[in-house]
Amino acid sequence: MANSKLSDAEAKAILLHWPTRTTIWPPPGGTGHWIRGQPVSPGETGPCLSAPGATLFRTQPDGLWAHFRKRASCDVVAVEVCGNTQNLNDKRSRYIPASHSIVLHCSKSWLDGKIATQGGGTAPRWEATGMYKQPPKSKASVAVPVRHLRVLYALPDDLYREWAKEHVPTGYEFFCPHSSLDSYTSQKMQEFLGQMSIASQFYLKPQG
């Protein structure tokens, strides 16, 4: 039976089983893949979010997937697992208002890490994201502007039931109970997650 209240470690263990490279969110323009940035394997430093130029108060979501338009911009889906109301309010405050400028910082070690590709092969992330044609030479992290952001908040089942009765999410927010996180492969969950892509907001899918 699915756990109705997950610990931080349990939630991240579940998110590690979500794909490292996926099209569950319809790719903007119909091409490319979403690449998992969080959680990462031990020893890796995954991407984080911040306001442009900020060095403090960067946000490292529990889960993060990004679709890159080379180095020009990226679209981000973040997953925040909340344990109680105070934790939810704190995490929501990091993204409000979601219309302000925000950038995704990608470390050199994360870009150099390899992920599985079609046909059983592997490729470094810098290649899989389409950000570079050759290995990046700079050791500094890369800051990519975020043009589209969606956040999924996972709440303990009892809190989810109460919150859903009394609140209206803003346009970039989505909510699910803790017990749904490990149902990633179910048709219902995949249809729900698919709504978070920018492509789902167009009647005719944008191309190119």
N, C-alpha and C. Protein backbone atom coordinates (compact mmCIF):
# COMPACT_ATOMS: atom_id res chain seq x y z
N MET A 1 0.84 -1.19 0.00
CA MET A 1 0.00 0.00 0.00
C MET A 1 0.88 1.25 0.00
N ALA A 2 0.52 2.25 -0.80
CA ALA A 2 1.29 3.47 -0.90
C ALA A 2 1.31 4.21 0.43
N ASN A 3 2.46 4.81 0.76
CA ASN A 3 2.63 5.52 2.00
C ASN A 3 1.90 6.86 1.94
N SER A 4 1.05 7.13 2.93
CA SER A 4 0.27 8.37 2.93
C SER A 4 1.04 9.56 3.49
N LYS A 5 2.20 9.30 4.10
CA LYS A 5 3.06 10.38 4.58
C LYS A 5 4.50 9.93 4.44
N LEU A 6 5.23 10.55 3.54
CA LEU A 6 6.60 10.16 3.23
C LEU A 6 7.60 11.02 3.98
N SER A 7 8.71 10.41 4.37
CA SER A 7 9.83 11.19 4.88
C SER A 7 10.56 11.80 3.68
N ASP A 8 11.44 12.76 3.95
CA ASP A 8 12.20 13.38 2.88
C ASP A 8 13.01 12.34 2.12
N ALA A 9 13.64 11.42 2.85
CA ALA A 9 14.46 10.38 2.22
C ALA A 9 13.60 9.45 1.37
N GLU A 10 12.43 9.08 1.88
CA GLU A 10 11.54 8.19 1.13
C GLU A 10 11.06 8.85 -0.16
N ALA A 11 10.72 10.13 -0.08
CA ALA A 11 10.23 10.84 -1.26
C ALA A 11 11.33 10.94 -2.32
N LYS A 12 12.55 11.27 -1.92
CA LYS A 12 13.63 11.40 -2.89
C LYS A 12 14.01 10.05 -3.50
N ALA A 13 13.87 8.98 -2.70
CA ALA A 13 14.13 7.64 -3.25
C ALA A 13 13.11 7.31 -4.34
N ILE A 14 11.86 7.73 -4.16
CA ILE A 14 10.84 7.51 -5.18
C ILE A 14 11.14 8.35 -6.42
N LEU A 15 11.51 9.61 -6.23
CA LEU A 15 11.79 10.49 -7.36
C LEU A 15 13.01 10.04 -8.15
N LEU A 16 13.95 9.35 -7.49
CA LEU A 16 15.11 8.81 -8.19
C LEU A 16 14.71 7.72 -9.18
N HIS A 17 13.53 7.13 -8.98
CA HIS A 17 13.04 6.11 -9.90
C HIS A 17 12.23 6.71 -11.05
N TRP A 18 11.93 8.01 -10.96
CA TRP A 18 11.32 8.67 -12.11
C TRP A 18 12.40 8.80 -13.18
N PRO A 19 12.06 8.90 -14.45
CA PRO A 19 13.06 8.84 -15.52
C PRO A 19 14.09 9.96 -15.48
N THR A 20 15.30 9.66 -15.93
CA THR A 20 16.34 10.67 -16.07
C THR A 20 16.17 11.44 -17.38
N ARG A 21 15.46 10.86 -18.33
CA ARG A 21 15.25 11.46 -19.65
C ARG A 21 13.85 11.05 -20.10
N THR A 22 12.96 12.01 -20.29
CA THR A 22 11.56 11.65 -20.50
C THR A 22 10.84 12.62 -21.43
N THR A 23 9.72 12.17 -21.97
CA THR A 23 8.82 13.02 -22.76
C THR A 23 7.43 13.02 -22.13
N ILE A 24 7.33 12.66 -20.84
CA ILE A 24 6.03 12.65 -20.18
C ILE A 24 5.38 14.03 -20.24
N TRP A 25 6.20 15.08 -20.13
CA TRP A 25 5.72 16.43 -20.40
C TRP A 25 5.97 16.67 -21.89
N PRO A 26 4.91 16.88 -22.69
CA PRO A 26 5.13 17.03 -24.13
C PRO A 26 6.22 18.06 -24.40
N PRO A 27 7.27 17.69 -25.14
CA PRO A 27 8.38 18.62 -25.36
C PRO A 27 7.92 19.87 -26.12
N PRO A 28 8.28 21.05 -25.66
CA PRO A 28 7.96 22.27 -26.40
C PRO A 28 8.53 22.19 -27.83
N GLY A 29 7.69 22.49 -28.81
CA GLY A 29 8.14 22.40 -30.19
C GLY A 29 8.12 20.98 -30.73
N GLY A 30 7.75 20.01 -29.87
CA GLY A 30 7.63 18.63 -30.33
C GLY A 30 8.92 17.86 -30.40
N THR A 31 10.05 18.44 -29.99
CA THR A 31 11.32 17.73 -30.06
C THR A 31 12.07 17.82 -28.73
N GLY A 32 13.03 16.92 -28.56
CA GLY A 32 13.86 16.94 -27.37
C GLY A 32 13.27 16.16 -26.22
N HIS A 33 13.99 16.16 -25.10
CA HIS A 33 13.59 15.43 -23.90
C HIS A 33 13.73 16.34 -22.68
N TRP A 34 13.00 15.98 -21.65
CA TRP A 34 13.18 16.60 -20.35
C TRP A 34 14.24 15.80 -19.60
N ILE A 35 15.20 16.49 -19.02
CA ILE A 35 16.34 15.86 -18.33
C ILE A 35 16.19 16.10 -16.83
N ARG A 36 16.32 15.02 -16.04
CA ARG A 36 16.21 15.17 -14.58
C ARG A 36 17.45 15.84 -14.02
N GLY A 37 17.21 16.88 -13.21
CA GLY A 37 18.30 17.57 -12.53
C GLY A 37 18.34 17.30 -11.04
N GLN A 38 17.19 16.97 -10.47
CA GLN A 38 17.07 16.61 -9.06
C GLN A 38 16.02 15.50 -8.92
N PRO A 39 16.22 14.58 -7.98
CA PRO A 39 17.43 14.37 -7.18
C PRO A 39 18.55 13.79 -8.03
N VAL A 40 19.76 13.84 -7.50
CA VAL A 40 20.93 13.35 -8.21
C VAL A 40 21.56 12.20 -7.42
N SER A 41 22.44 11.49 -8.09
CA SER A 41 23.16 10.41 -7.44
C SER A 41 24.21 10.98 -6.49
N PRO A 42 24.66 10.22 -5.50
CA PRO A 42 25.68 10.71 -4.56
C PRO A 42 26.92 11.20 -5.30
N GLY A 43 27.44 12.35 -4.86
CA GLY A 43 28.64 12.91 -5.47
C GLY A 43 28.37 13.92 -6.56
N GLU A 44 27.11 13.99 -7.03
CA GLU A 44 26.76 14.96 -8.06
C GLU A 44 26.15 16.21 -7.42
N THR A 45 26.32 17.34 -8.10
CA THR A 45 25.67 18.59 -7.68
C THR A 45 24.66 18.96 -8.75
N GLY A 46 23.39 18.81 -8.43
CA GLY A 46 22.34 19.06 -9.41
C GLY A 46 22.02 20.53 -9.54
N PRO A 47 21.25 20.89 -10.57
CA PRO A 47 20.87 22.28 -10.81
C PRO A 47 20.05 22.88 -9.67
N CYS A 48 20.08 24.20 -9.55
CA CYS A 48 19.27 24.92 -8.59
C CYS A 48 18.73 26.18 -9.25
N LEU A 49 17.74 26.79 -8.63
CA LEU A 49 17.07 27.97 -9.16
C LEU A 49 17.40 29.19 -8.32
N SER A 50 17.46 30.35 -8.96
CA SER A 50 17.66 31.59 -8.22
C SER A 50 17.20 32.77 -9.07
N ALA A 51 17.10 33.93 -8.43
CA ALA A 51 16.91 35.16 -9.18
C ALA A 51 18.21 35.49 -9.89
N PRO A 52 18.16 36.20 -11.03
CA PRO A 52 19.39 36.55 -11.75
C PRO A 52 20.37 37.30 -10.86
N GLY A 53 21.62 36.84 -10.85
CA GLY A 53 22.67 37.51 -10.09
C GLY A 53 22.74 37.13 -8.63
N ALA A 54 21.77 36.38 -8.13
CA ALA A 54 21.75 36.02 -6.71
C ALA A 54 22.75 34.92 -6.41
N THR A 55 23.46 35.06 -5.30
CA THR A 55 24.39 34.02 -4.85
C THR A 55 23.90 33.35 -3.57
N LEU A 56 22.94 33.98 -2.89
CA LEU A 56 22.36 33.40 -1.69
C LEU A 56 20.90 33.03 -1.96
N PHE A 57 20.35 32.19 -1.09
CA PHE A 57 18.94 31.83 -1.14
C PHE A 57 18.55 31.16 -2.46
N ARG A 58 19.45 30.34 -2.97
CA ARG A 58 19.10 29.55 -4.14
C ARG A 58 18.18 28.41 -3.73
N THR A 59 17.32 28.00 -4.63
CA THR A 59 16.34 26.96 -4.34
C THR A 59 16.72 25.67 -5.06
N GLN A 60 16.84 24.60 -4.31
CA GLN A 60 17.14 23.29 -4.88
C GLN A 60 15.93 22.40 -4.64
N PRO A 61 15.03 22.30 -5.62
CA PRO A 61 13.80 21.51 -5.43
C PRO A 61 14.10 20.04 -5.13
N ASP A 62 13.14 19.36 -4.53
CA ASP A 62 13.30 17.93 -4.28
C ASP A 62 13.38 17.16 -5.60
N GLY A 63 12.62 17.62 -6.58
CA GLY A 63 12.66 17.04 -7.92
C GLY A 63 12.72 18.17 -8.95
N LEU A 64 13.43 17.96 -10.04
CA LEU A 64 13.51 18.99 -11.07
C LEU A 64 13.81 18.34 -12.41
N TRP A 65 13.02 18.71 -13.41
CA TRP A 65 13.27 18.29 -14.79
C TRP A 65 13.31 19.53 -15.66
N ALA A 66 14.20 19.57 -16.63
CA ALA A 66 14.34 20.75 -17.48
C ALA A 66 14.40 20.35 -18.95
N HIS A 67 13.79 21.18 -19.78
CA HIS A 67 13.87 21.04 -21.23
C HIS A 67 14.61 22.27 -21.74
N PHE A 68 15.75 22.06 -22.39
CA PHE A 68 16.62 23.16 -22.79
C PHE A 68 16.43 23.53 -24.25
N ARG A 69 16.40 24.84 -24.50
CA ARG A 69 16.44 25.38 -25.85
C ARG A 69 17.86 25.86 -26.09
N LYS A 70 18.77 24.86 -26.22
CA LYS A 70 20.21 25.11 -26.25
C LYS A 70 20.58 25.90 -24.98
N ARG A 71 21.29 27.01 -25.11
CA ARG A 71 21.62 27.78 -23.91
C ARG A 71 20.78 29.04 -23.80
N ALA A 72 19.84 29.21 -24.73
CA ALA A 72 19.04 30.44 -24.75
C ALA A 72 18.06 30.49 -23.59
N SER A 73 17.42 29.37 -23.29
CA SER A 73 16.43 29.33 -22.21
C SER A 73 16.08 27.88 -21.92
N CYS A 74 15.31 27.68 -20.89
CA CYS A 74 14.84 26.34 -20.55
C CYS A 74 13.46 26.42 -19.92
N ASP A 75 12.75 25.31 -19.96
CA ASP A 75 11.48 25.16 -19.25
C ASP A 75 11.73 24.20 -18.09
N VAL A 76 11.12 24.47 -16.96
CA VAL A 76 11.40 23.70 -15.75
C VAL A 76 10.11 23.18 -15.11
N VAL A 77 10.13 21.92 -14.71
CA VAL A 77 9.11 21.34 -13.85
C VAL A 77 9.79 20.98 -12.54
N ALA A 78 9.34 21.59 -11.44
CA ALA A 78 9.90 21.32 -10.12
C ALA A 78 8.90 20.50 -9.30
N VAL A 79 9.42 19.65 -8.44
CA VAL A 79 8.60 18.87 -7.51
C VAL A 79 9.06 19.18 -6.10
N GLU A 80 8.15 19.64 -5.27
CA GLU A 80 8.45 19.94 -3.87
C GLU A 80 7.61 19.04 -2.97
N VAL A 81 8.28 18.25 -2.15
CA VAL A 81 7.60 17.34 -1.23
C VAL A 81 7.50 18.02 0.13
N CYS A 82 6.29 18.26 0.60
CA CYS A 82 6.05 19.02 1.83
C CYS A 82 5.55 18.08 2.93
N GLY A 83 6.04 18.31 4.16
CA GLY A 83 5.65 17.45 5.26
C GLY A 83 4.52 17.99 6.12
N ASN A 84 4.32 19.32 6.09
CA ASN A 84 3.28 19.94 6.91
C ASN A 84 2.92 21.30 6.30
N THR A 85 1.97 21.98 6.92
CA THR A 85 1.49 23.25 6.38
C THR A 85 2.58 24.30 6.35
N GLN A 86 3.37 24.41 7.42
CA GLN A 86 4.45 25.40 7.47
C GLN A 86 5.46 25.15 6.36
N ASN A 87 5.79 23.88 6.13
CA ASN A 87 6.74 23.51 5.09
C ASN A 87 6.18 23.87 3.71
N LEU A 88 4.89 23.64 3.50
CA LEU A 88 4.24 24.01 2.25
C LEU A 88 4.30 25.52 2.03
N ASN A 89 3.95 26.29 3.06
CA ASN A 89 3.96 27.75 2.93
C ASN A 89 5.36 28.26 2.62
N ASP A 90 6.37 27.67 3.26
CA ASP A 90 7.75 28.09 3.01
C ASP A 90 8.15 27.81 1.57
N LYS A 91 7.84 26.63 1.08
CA LYS A 91 8.24 26.27 -0.28
C LYS A 91 7.45 27.06 -1.33
N ARG A 92 6.18 27.32 -1.05
CA ARG A 92 5.40 28.12 -2.01
C ARG A 92 5.97 29.54 -2.11
N SER A 93 6.47 30.07 -1.00
CA SER A 93 6.98 31.44 -1.00
C SER A 93 8.20 31.59 -1.90
N ARG A 94 8.90 30.49 -2.17
CA ARG A 94 10.10 30.56 -3.01
C ARG A 94 9.75 30.80 -4.48
N TYR A 95 8.52 30.51 -4.84
CA TYR A 95 8.13 30.61 -6.25
C TYR A 95 7.12 31.72 -6.51
N ILE A 96 6.72 32.46 -5.50
CA ILE A 96 5.72 33.52 -5.65
C ILE A 96 6.41 34.87 -5.66
N PRO A 97 6.18 35.75 -6.66
CA PRO A 97 5.41 35.45 -7.86
C PRO A 97 6.26 34.69 -8.88
N ALA A 98 5.66 33.73 -9.55
CA ALA A 98 6.41 32.91 -10.50
C ALA A 98 6.69 33.65 -11.80
N SER A 99 6.16 34.88 -11.92
CA SER A 99 6.37 35.63 -13.15
C SER A 99 7.67 36.43 -13.14
N HIS A 100 8.39 36.47 -11.98
CA HIS A 100 9.62 37.23 -11.96
C HIS A 100 10.73 36.45 -12.66
N SER A 101 11.82 37.13 -12.94
CA SER A 101 12.93 36.50 -13.63
C SER A 101 13.56 35.43 -12.74
N ILE A 102 13.93 34.31 -13.35
CA ILE A 102 14.54 33.22 -12.60
C ILE A 102 15.49 32.49 -13.54
N VAL A 103 16.58 31.98 -12.98
CA VAL A 103 17.56 31.25 -13.79
C VAL A 103 17.83 29.89 -13.17
N LEU A 104 18.27 28.97 -14.02
CA LEU A 104 18.64 27.62 -13.60
C LEU A 104 20.15 27.50 -13.68
N HIS A 105 20.79 27.20 -12.54
CA HIS A 105 22.23 27.04 -12.49
C HIS A 105 22.60 25.57 -12.66
N CYS A 106 23.40 25.27 -13.68
CA CYS A 106 23.81 23.89 -13.96
C CYS A 106 25.32 23.77 -13.73
N SER A 107 25.72 22.92 -12.81
CA SER A 107 27.14 22.77 -12.49
C SER A 107 27.86 22.01 -13.58
N LYS A 108 29.18 22.22 -13.67
CA LYS A 108 30.01 21.51 -14.65
C LYS A 108 29.95 20.01 -14.41
N SER A 109 29.96 19.58 -13.14
CA SER A 109 29.94 18.14 -12.85
C SER A 109 28.62 17.52 -13.30
N TRP A 110 27.52 18.26 -13.17
CA TRP A 110 26.23 17.73 -13.61
C TRP A 110 26.19 17.64 -15.13
N LEU A 111 26.67 18.65 -15.83
CA LEU A 111 26.68 18.63 -17.30
C LEU A 111 27.56 17.50 -17.83
N ASP A 112 28.65 17.20 -17.14
CA ASP A 112 29.57 16.15 -17.60
C ASP A 112 29.06 14.75 -17.28
N GLY A 113 28.14 14.62 -16.33
CA GLY A 113 27.62 13.31 -15.96
C GLY A 113 26.88 12.65 -17.11
N LYS A 114 26.94 11.34 -17.18
CA LYS A 114 26.32 10.61 -18.29
C LYS A 114 24.95 10.05 -17.89
N ILE A 115 24.05 10.03 -18.87
CA ILE A 115 22.73 9.47 -18.67
C ILE A 115 22.41 8.50 -19.80
N ALA A 116 21.45 7.61 -19.56
CA ALA A 116 21.06 6.62 -20.55
C ALA A 116 20.31 7.29 -21.70
N THR A 117 20.54 6.79 -22.91
CA THR A 117 19.85 7.28 -24.09
C THR A 117 19.19 6.10 -24.81
N GLN A 118 18.52 6.39 -25.90
CA GLN A 118 17.85 5.34 -26.65
C GLN A 118 18.86 4.33 -27.18
N GLY A 119 18.42 3.07 -27.27
CA GLY A 119 19.28 2.02 -27.79
C GLY A 119 20.27 1.48 -26.80
N GLY A 120 20.11 1.84 -25.53
CA GLY A 120 21.00 1.31 -24.50
C GLY A 120 22.32 2.03 -24.37
N GLY A 121 22.48 3.15 -25.07
CA GLY A 121 23.73 3.90 -24.97
C GLY A 121 23.70 4.92 -23.86
N THR A 122 24.76 5.70 -23.76
CA THR A 122 24.85 6.78 -22.79
C THR A 122 25.39 8.03 -23.49
N ALA A 123 25.14 9.17 -22.87
CA ALA A 123 25.65 10.44 -23.41
C ALA A 123 25.82 11.39 -22.25
N PRO A 124 26.83 12.29 -22.32
CA PRO A 124 26.96 13.31 -21.27
C PRO A 124 25.76 14.26 -21.34
N ARG A 125 25.39 14.83 -20.21
CA ARG A 125 24.21 15.69 -20.18
C ARG A 125 24.36 16.90 -21.09
N TRP A 126 25.59 17.44 -21.21
CA TRP A 126 25.75 18.62 -22.06
C TRP A 126 25.34 18.31 -23.49
N GLU A 127 25.52 17.05 -23.90
CA GLU A 127 25.11 16.65 -25.25
C GLU A 127 23.62 16.33 -25.30
N ALA A 128 23.13 15.62 -24.27
CA ALA A 128 21.73 15.23 -24.24
C ALA A 128 20.80 16.43 -24.15
N THR A 129 21.25 17.50 -23.49
CA THR A 129 20.42 18.69 -23.37
C THR A 129 20.44 19.55 -24.64
N GLY A 130 21.43 19.32 -25.51
CA GLY A 130 21.57 20.13 -26.71
C GLY A 130 22.20 21.49 -26.44
N MET A 131 22.75 21.68 -25.24
CA MET A 131 23.32 22.98 -24.88
C MET A 131 24.66 23.24 -25.57
N TYR A 132 25.40 22.18 -25.85
CA TYR A 132 26.73 22.32 -26.44
C TYR A 132 26.93 21.28 -27.54
N LYS A 133 27.79 21.63 -28.52
CA LYS A 133 28.20 20.67 -29.54
C LYS A 133 29.53 20.02 -29.18
N GLN A 134 30.29 20.71 -28.31
CA GLN A 134 31.56 20.20 -27.82
C GLN A 134 31.56 20.29 -26.30
N PRO A 135 32.36 19.48 -25.61
CA PRO A 135 32.39 19.56 -24.15
C PRO A 135 32.70 20.97 -23.67
N PRO A 136 31.93 21.49 -22.72
CA PRO A 136 32.20 22.85 -22.21
C PRO A 136 33.56 22.91 -21.52
N LYS A 137 34.31 23.96 -21.82
CA LYS A 137 35.66 24.10 -21.26
C LYS A 137 35.66 24.78 -19.90
N SER A 138 34.72 25.69 -19.70
CA SER A 138 34.68 26.42 -18.43
C SER A 138 34.26 25.51 -17.29
N LYS A 139 34.89 25.70 -16.13
CA LYS A 139 34.54 24.92 -14.94
C LYS A 139 33.42 25.58 -14.14
N ALA A 140 33.04 26.78 -14.53
CA ALA A 140 31.98 27.50 -13.83
C ALA A 140 30.62 26.93 -14.19
N SER A 141 29.67 27.10 -13.28
CA SER A 141 28.31 26.66 -13.57
C SER A 141 27.71 27.54 -14.65
N VAL A 142 26.73 27.01 -15.34
CA VAL A 142 26.07 27.73 -16.43
C VAL A 142 24.69 28.19 -15.94
N ALA A 143 24.39 29.46 -16.14
CA ALA A 143 23.09 30.02 -15.74
C ALA A 143 22.21 30.15 -16.98
N VAL A 144 21.08 29.44 -16.99
CA VAL A 144 20.18 29.44 -18.14
C VAL A 144 18.86 30.10 -17.74
N PRO A 145 18.39 31.11 -18.48
CA PRO A 145 17.11 31.74 -18.14
C PRO A 145 15.95 30.75 -18.22
N VAL A 146 15.06 30.82 -17.25
CA VAL A 146 13.86 29.96 -17.23
C VAL A 146 12.71 30.76 -17.85
N ARG A 147 12.12 30.22 -18.90
CA ARG A 147 11.02 30.95 -19.54
C ARG A 147 9.66 30.41 -19.10
N HIS A 148 9.61 29.16 -18.62
CA HIS A 148 8.34 28.55 -18.24
C HIS A 148 8.57 27.65 -17.03
N LEU A 149 7.80 27.86 -15.98
CA LEU A 149 7.99 27.11 -14.73
C LEU A 149 6.66 26.53 -14.25
N ARG A 150 6.69 25.28 -13.86
CA ARG A 150 5.56 24.63 -13.22
C ARG A 150 6.07 23.92 -11.97
N VAL A 151 5.28 23.96 -10.89
CA VAL A 151 5.69 23.34 -9.63
C VAL A 151 4.62 22.37 -9.16
N LEU A 152 5.03 21.14 -8.85
CA LEU A 152 4.15 20.13 -8.28
C LEU A 152 4.46 20.00 -6.80
N TYR A 153 3.48 20.27 -5.95
CA TYR A 153 3.63 20.11 -4.51
C TYR A 153 2.99 18.79 -4.09
N ALA A 154 3.77 17.94 -3.44
CA ALA A 154 3.25 16.68 -2.92
C ALA A 154 3.02 16.84 -1.42
N LEU A 155 1.80 16.59 -0.97
CA LEU A 155 1.41 16.79 0.42
C LEU A 155 1.02 15.47 1.07
N PRO A 156 1.24 15.34 2.40
CA PRO A 156 0.69 14.18 3.10
C PRO A 156 -0.79 14.05 2.78
N ASP A 157 -1.27 12.83 2.67
CA ASP A 157 -2.63 12.61 2.18
C ASP A 157 -3.69 13.36 2.98
N ASP A 158 -3.57 13.39 4.32
CA ASP A 158 -4.58 14.08 5.12
C ASP A 158 -4.53 15.59 4.89
N LEU A 159 -3.32 16.16 4.78
CA LEU A 159 -3.18 17.59 4.49
C LEU A 159 -3.69 17.91 3.09
N TYR A 160 -3.41 17.04 2.15
CA TYR A 160 -3.87 17.26 0.77
C TYR A 160 -5.39 17.37 0.71
N ARG A 161 -6.08 16.49 1.42
CA ARG A 161 -7.55 16.52 1.40
C ARG A 161 -8.09 17.83 1.97
N GLU A 162 -7.49 18.30 3.05
CA GLU A 162 -7.94 19.55 3.66
C GLU A 162 -7.57 20.76 2.80
N TRP A 163 -6.35 20.77 2.27
CA TRP A 163 -5.90 21.91 1.48
C TRP A 163 -6.74 22.05 0.21
N ALA A 164 -7.02 20.91 -0.44
CA ALA A 164 -7.74 20.94 -1.71
C ALA A 164 -9.17 21.47 -1.55
N LYS A 165 -9.74 21.32 -0.36
CA LYS A 165 -11.11 21.79 -0.12
C LYS A 165 -11.17 23.29 0.06
N GLU A 166 -10.06 23.92 0.44
CA GLU A 166 -10.11 25.32 0.88
C GLU A 166 -9.29 26.29 0.04
N HIS A 167 -8.47 25.82 -0.89
CA HIS A 167 -7.55 26.70 -1.59
C HIS A 167 -7.66 26.54 -3.10
N VAL A 168 -7.31 27.59 -3.81
CA VAL A 168 -7.27 27.58 -5.27
C VAL A 168 -5.82 27.79 -5.71
N PRO A 169 -5.22 26.82 -6.40
CA PRO A 169 -3.83 26.98 -6.84
C PRO A 169 -3.70 28.10 -7.87
N THR A 170 -2.53 28.72 -7.92
CA THR A 170 -2.24 29.67 -8.99
C THR A 170 -1.90 28.89 -10.26
N GLY A 171 -1.74 29.61 -11.38
CA GLY A 171 -1.61 28.95 -12.67
C GLY A 171 -0.43 28.02 -12.82
N TYR A 172 0.66 28.24 -12.09
CA TYR A 172 1.85 27.40 -12.25
C TYR A 172 1.90 26.26 -11.22
N GLU A 173 0.90 26.18 -10.33
CA GLU A 173 0.93 25.21 -9.24
C GLU A 173 0.07 23.98 -9.52
N PHE A 174 0.59 22.82 -9.12
CA PHE A 174 -0.13 21.56 -9.20
C PHE A 174 0.08 20.84 -7.87
N PHE A 175 -0.89 20.00 -7.49
CA PHE A 175 -0.83 19.33 -6.18
C PHE A 175 -1.19 17.86 -6.32
N CYS A 176 -0.55 17.03 -5.50
CA CYS A 176 -0.89 15.60 -5.43
C CYS A 176 -0.61 15.11 -4.02
N PRO A 177 -1.25 14.02 -3.61
CA PRO A 177 -0.95 13.44 -2.30
C PRO A 177 0.35 12.63 -2.33
N HIS A 178 0.96 12.46 -1.18
CA HIS A 178 2.19 11.67 -1.09
C HIS A 178 2.02 10.28 -1.71
N SER A 179 0.86 9.67 -1.48
CA SER A 179 0.65 8.30 -1.94
C SER A 179 0.63 8.17 -3.45
N SER A 180 0.59 9.31 -4.18
CA SER A 180 0.57 9.26 -5.64
C SER A 180 1.96 9.31 -6.26
N LEU A 181 2.97 9.69 -5.48
CA LEU A 181 4.29 9.88 -6.06
C LEU A 181 4.86 8.61 -6.68
N ASP A 182 4.56 7.46 -6.07
CA ASP A 182 5.14 6.22 -6.62
C ASP A 182 4.25 5.58 -7.68
N SER A 183 3.23 6.33 -8.16
CA SER A 183 2.36 5.81 -9.22
C SER A 183 2.69 6.49 -10.55
N TYR A 184 3.96 6.86 -10.72
CA TYR A 184 4.39 7.61 -11.90
C TYR A 184 3.96 6.93 -13.20
N THR A 185 4.02 5.60 -13.26
CA THR A 185 3.74 4.89 -14.50
C THR A 185 2.26 4.68 -14.77
N SER A 186 1.40 5.03 -13.82
CA SER A 186 -0.04 4.83 -14.04
C SER A 186 -0.56 5.82 -15.08
N GLN A 187 -1.57 5.41 -15.83
CA GLN A 187 -2.12 6.28 -16.86
C GLN A 187 -2.67 7.57 -16.27
N LYS A 188 -3.33 7.46 -15.12
CA LYS A 188 -3.93 8.64 -14.50
C LYS A 188 -2.86 9.65 -14.11
N MET A 189 -1.76 9.18 -13.52
CA MET A 189 -0.69 10.09 -13.11
C MET A 189 0.00 10.69 -14.32
N GLN A 190 0.21 9.90 -15.36
CA GLN A 190 0.88 10.41 -16.55
C GLN A 190 0.03 11.48 -17.24
N GLU A 191 -1.27 11.29 -17.27
CA GLU A 191 -2.14 12.30 -17.86
C GLU A 191 -2.12 13.58 -17.04
N PHE A 192 -2.09 13.43 -15.72
CA PHE A 192 -2.03 14.59 -14.83
C PHE A 192 -0.73 15.37 -15.03
N LEU A 193 0.39 14.66 -15.05
CA LEU A 193 1.69 15.31 -15.20
C LEU A 193 1.82 15.97 -16.57
N GLY A 194 1.23 15.37 -17.58
CA GLY A 194 1.33 15.91 -18.93
C GLY A 194 0.77 17.31 -19.06
N GLN A 195 -0.14 17.68 -18.16
CA GLN A 195 -0.72 19.01 -18.19
C GLN A 195 0.28 20.11 -17.82
N MET A 196 1.41 19.73 -17.25
CA MET A 196 2.36 20.72 -16.76
C MET A 196 3.28 21.28 -17.84
N SER A 197 3.25 20.70 -19.03
CA SER A 197 4.09 21.19 -20.11
C SER A 197 3.46 22.40 -20.78
N ILE A 198 4.30 23.31 -21.26
CA ILE A 198 3.81 24.46 -22.00
C ILE A 198 3.04 24.04 -23.24
N ALA A 199 3.39 22.88 -23.81
CA ALA A 199 2.72 22.40 -25.02
C ALA A 199 1.25 22.11 -24.76
N SER A 200 0.90 21.76 -23.51
CA SER A 200 -0.49 21.42 -23.20
C SER A 200 -1.40 22.64 -23.19
N GLN A 201 -0.82 23.83 -23.25
CA GLN A 201 -1.61 25.05 -23.22
C GLN A 201 -2.02 25.53 -24.61
N PHE A 202 -1.61 24.79 -25.63
CA PHE A 202 -1.94 25.14 -27.00
C PHE A 202 -2.86 24.08 -27.61
N TYR A 203 -3.90 24.54 -28.28
CA TYR A 203 -4.83 23.61 -28.93
C TYR A 203 -4.11 22.82 -30.01
N LEU A 204 -3.39 23.52 -30.90
CA LEU A 204 -2.53 22.88 -31.88
C LEU A 204 -1.11 22.97 -31.34
N LYS A 205 -0.43 21.82 -31.25
CA LYS A 205 0.87 21.79 -30.62
C LYS A 205 1.87 22.67 -31.37
N PRO A 206 2.58 23.57 -30.66
CA PRO A 206 3.57 24.41 -31.32
C PRO A 206 4.72 23.57 -31.88
N GLN A 207 5.19 23.93 -33.03
CA GLN A 207 6.27 23.20 -33.67
C GLN A 207 7.49 24.09 -33.84
N GLY A 208 8.67 23.49 -33.68
CA GLY A 208 9.91 24.24 -33.91
C GLY A 208 10.31 25.11 -32.75
